[in-house]
Protein backbone atom coordinates (compact mmCIF):
# COMPACT_ATOMS: atom_id res chain seq x y z
CA MET A 1 101.55 83.77 116.42
CA THR A 2 98.90 82.17 114.45
CA ASP A 3 96.13 82.88 112.99
CA THR A 4 94.04 81.81 115.31
CA ASN A 5 94.84 83.86 118.33
CA LEU A 6 94.57 86.83 116.68
CA ILE A 7 90.92 86.76 115.47
CA PRO A 8 88.63 87.82 118.71
CA PHE A 9 85.65 85.61 119.19
CA ASN A 10 82.95 87.85 117.95
CA GLU A 11 85.05 88.01 114.78
CA GLU A 12 81.30 87.73 112.43
CA GLU A 13 80.28 90.93 113.90
CA ARG A 14 82.95 93.05 114.48
CA ILE A 15 83.53 92.85 110.80
CA GLU A 16 79.78 93.19 109.66
CA ASN A 17 79.74 96.46 112.16
CA LEU A 18 82.73 97.94 110.64
CA LYS A 19 81.24 98.34 107.33
CA LYS A 20 78.72 99.63 108.75
CA TYR A 21 81.10 103.17 108.98
CA LYS A 22 82.14 103.15 105.08
CA ILE A 23 85.38 103.63 106.37
CA LEU A 24 87.27 100.79 104.62
CA TYR A 25 89.10 101.24 101.55
CA THR A 26 88.41 105.09 101.41
CA LYS A 27 90.76 108.33 100.32
CA SER A 28 92.60 109.58 102.71
CA GLU A 29 90.57 112.73 105.33
CA PRO A 30 91.70 115.45 106.86
CA ILE A 31 90.08 114.60 110.09
CA PHE A 32 91.82 111.26 110.48
CA ASP A 33 95.53 112.46 109.01
CA GLN A 34 95.00 115.82 112.27
CA LEU A 35 94.12 113.49 114.66
CA ALA A 36 97.33 111.10 113.75
CA ALA A 37 99.14 113.99 114.22
CA ILE A 38 97.87 114.94 117.23
CA ALA A 39 98.68 111.62 118.95
CA ALA A 40 102.17 111.10 117.49
CA THR A 41 103.24 115.29 119.00
CA THR A 42 101.38 114.44 122.59
CA LEU A 43 103.16 111.28 122.59
CA ASN A 44 106.00 111.88 120.96
CA ALA A 45 106.15 109.22 118.74
CA PRO A 46 107.70 109.40 115.41
CA LEU A 47 104.33 107.50 113.70
CA ALA A 48 101.15 107.32 114.28
CA MET A 49 98.56 105.45 112.37
CA ILE A 50 94.67 104.61 112.33
CA ASN A 51 94.75 101.67 111.02
CA PHE A 52 91.37 99.49 110.54
CA VAL A 53 91.21 94.84 111.12
CA ASP A 54 89.75 93.62 108.00
CA ARG A 55 89.15 89.95 107.93
CA ALA A 56 92.72 89.42 105.83
CA LYS A 57 94.24 93.05 106.28
CA VAL A 58 94.94 95.92 108.29
CA TRP A 59 94.23 98.73 106.86
CA THR A 60 95.99 102.37 107.61
CA LYS A 61 93.26 105.58 107.22
CA ALA A 62 95.64 107.89 108.62
CA ASN A 63 98.56 108.88 109.78
CA GLN A 64 100.50 112.20 110.87
CA ASN A 65 102.07 112.52 107.35
CA GLY A 66 98.67 112.38 105.38
CA ASP A 67 99.49 109.03 104.15
CA SER A 68 96.44 106.53 103.86
CA GLY A 69 96.09 103.02 102.03
CA MET A 70 98.72 100.79 103.39
CA GLU A 71 98.11 97.78 104.13
CA HIS A 72 99.45 94.74 105.59
CA ASP A 73 99.37 90.87 106.38
CA ARG A 74 96.41 90.71 109.50
CA GLN A 75 98.60 87.68 110.83
CA VAL A 76 101.87 89.81 111.14
CA SER A 77 100.00 93.10 112.08
CA LEU A 78 100.07 94.29 115.81
CA CYS A 79 97.10 95.65 115.83
CA SER A 80 95.90 92.23 115.70
CA LEU A 81 96.60 92.18 119.02
CA ALA A 82 95.44 95.53 119.63
CA ILE A 83 92.00 94.90 118.94
CA LEU A 84 92.10 91.75 121.53
CA ASN A 85 91.88 94.09 124.79
CA ASP A 86 89.89 96.69 125.34
CA LYS A 87 92.89 98.96 127.00
CA VAL A 88 95.89 99.94 125.60
CA THR A 89 98.31 97.44 124.16
CA VAL A 90 101.81 98.11 124.81
CA PHE A 91 105.34 96.81 123.89
CA GLU A 92 108.17 99.00 125.16
CA ASP A 93 110.68 96.60 123.57
CA LEU A 94 109.06 95.00 120.41
CA GLU A 95 113.00 92.55 120.63
CA LYS A 96 112.25 91.33 124.49
CA GLU A 97 109.10 90.43 124.19
CA PHE A 98 109.17 88.90 120.39
CA PRO A 99 112.52 87.41 120.76
CA ARG A 100 112.30 84.69 118.35
CA VAL A 101 109.40 85.96 115.43
CA VAL A 102 110.43 87.69 112.18
CA ASN A 103 108.05 89.91 111.93
CA PRO A 104 108.57 92.51 109.17
CA MET A 105 106.75 95.38 111.59
CA THR A 106 109.88 94.22 114.24
CA ALA A 107 112.76 93.45 111.55
CA GLY A 108 113.44 94.33 108.60
CA GLU A 109 112.68 98.27 106.88
CA TYR A 110 110.11 99.02 109.79
CA GLY A 111 112.88 98.13 112.61
CA PHE A 112 110.09 98.96 115.35
CA ARG A 113 111.02 98.49 118.79
CA PHE A 114 108.30 100.44 120.63
CA TYR A 115 104.67 100.10 120.17
CA ALA A 116 101.23 100.92 121.64
CA ALA A 117 97.85 101.33 120.86
CA ALA A 118 94.29 101.84 121.82
CA PRO A 119 91.24 99.89 120.36
CA ILE A 120 88.78 101.68 118.64
CA ILE A 121 85.41 100.75 119.58
CA THR A 122 82.18 101.07 118.48
CA ASN A 123 79.26 102.39 119.83
CA GLU A 124 78.27 98.92 120.01
CA GLY A 125 81.18 97.48 121.53
CA PHE A 126 83.30 96.09 118.92
CA ASN A 127 86.85 96.99 118.51
CA VAL A 128 87.20 97.86 114.95
CA GLY A 129 90.76 99.27 114.89
CA SER A 130 93.24 101.04 116.79
CA VAL A 131 95.62 104.22 116.59
CA CYS A 132 99.11 103.17 117.46
CA VAL A 133 102.14 105.04 117.64
CA VAL A 134 105.21 103.13 117.05
CA ASP A 135 109.29 104.01 117.78
CA LYS A 136 112.05 102.79 116.48
CA THR A 137 113.64 102.63 119.83
CA SER A 138 111.85 100.66 122.78
CA ARG A 139 111.02 103.23 125.78
CA SER A 140 108.64 103.85 128.77
CA PHE A 141 104.64 104.53 128.54
CA SER A 142 103.14 105.79 131.47
CA GLU A 143 100.37 105.68 132.53
CA GLU A 144 99.25 109.35 131.46
CA ASP A 145 100.44 108.54 127.77
CA GLN A 146 98.05 105.55 127.73
CA ARG A 147 94.51 107.86 128.46
CA LYS A 148 96.47 110.38 126.01
CA LEU A 149 96.33 107.70 123.12
CA GLU A 150 92.48 106.50 124.76
CA ARG A 151 91.53 109.97 124.09
CA VAL A 152 92.32 109.53 120.75
CA ALA A 153 91.02 106.85 119.74
CA ASN A 154 87.75 108.41 121.70
CA MET A 155 88.38 111.17 118.93
CA VAL A 156 87.95 108.69 115.92
CA THR A 157 85.04 106.83 117.25
CA ASN A 158 83.13 109.87 117.20
CA GLU A 159 84.38 110.82 113.64
CA MET A 160 83.57 107.48 112.32
CA ASN A 161 80.16 108.06 114.45
CA LYS A 162 79.61 111.35 112.49
CA ARG A 163 79.84 109.26 109.42
CA VAL A 164 77.11 106.99 110.34
CA THR A 165 74.92 110.20 111.63
CA LYS A 166 75.09 112.17 108.07
CA ARG A 167 74.11 109.74 105.99
CA SER A 168 70.97 108.36 108.31
CA PRO A 169 68.79 111.82 107.61
CA LEU A 170 69.27 111.00 103.74
CA ILE A 171 68.58 107.09 104.06
CA LYS A 172 65.28 107.99 106.01
CA LYS A 173 64.48 109.71 103.31
CA LEU A 174 65.39 107.80 100.36
CA GLY A 175 63.47 105.37 102.52
CA VAL A 176 66.81 103.21 101.98
CA LEU A 177 67.49 100.30 103.92
CA VAL A 178 70.79 99.94 104.84
């Protein structure tokens, strides 16, 4: 994986759209932790995360344990691949699919073997992040599982929209331009 093949064609617009939601590098919020927990429980995964893909980093907004704020270089994050697709990205066995790639997510302390992610798609159509589930063992991931993961990603988008909606009346009242 190289940087050039991890960059969407609409990268500048995508980053601007992500900034609109003012979600990057914010403190933990229970609703996002709960959505990550729903993904982990529903899909029987030991780890579920809500990640946003910034220009150079992939930042974790939430996981099922309430942890947030972790970040990884974009070029080593599987979420960078996931935002290139409008559908769920699935790697049932990372070791088989990327046998020659040395990646901190699949080797070393993490040692993930399974990864599935649904893109977080804004109302404007930009893939700004993903809801992902991972496991240290390879496994299958059915179409029904993919639909469940997409539903959680849609719930994340709905929560993001609420952030913008809550700010809009105050912005109008103050006459502030965004």
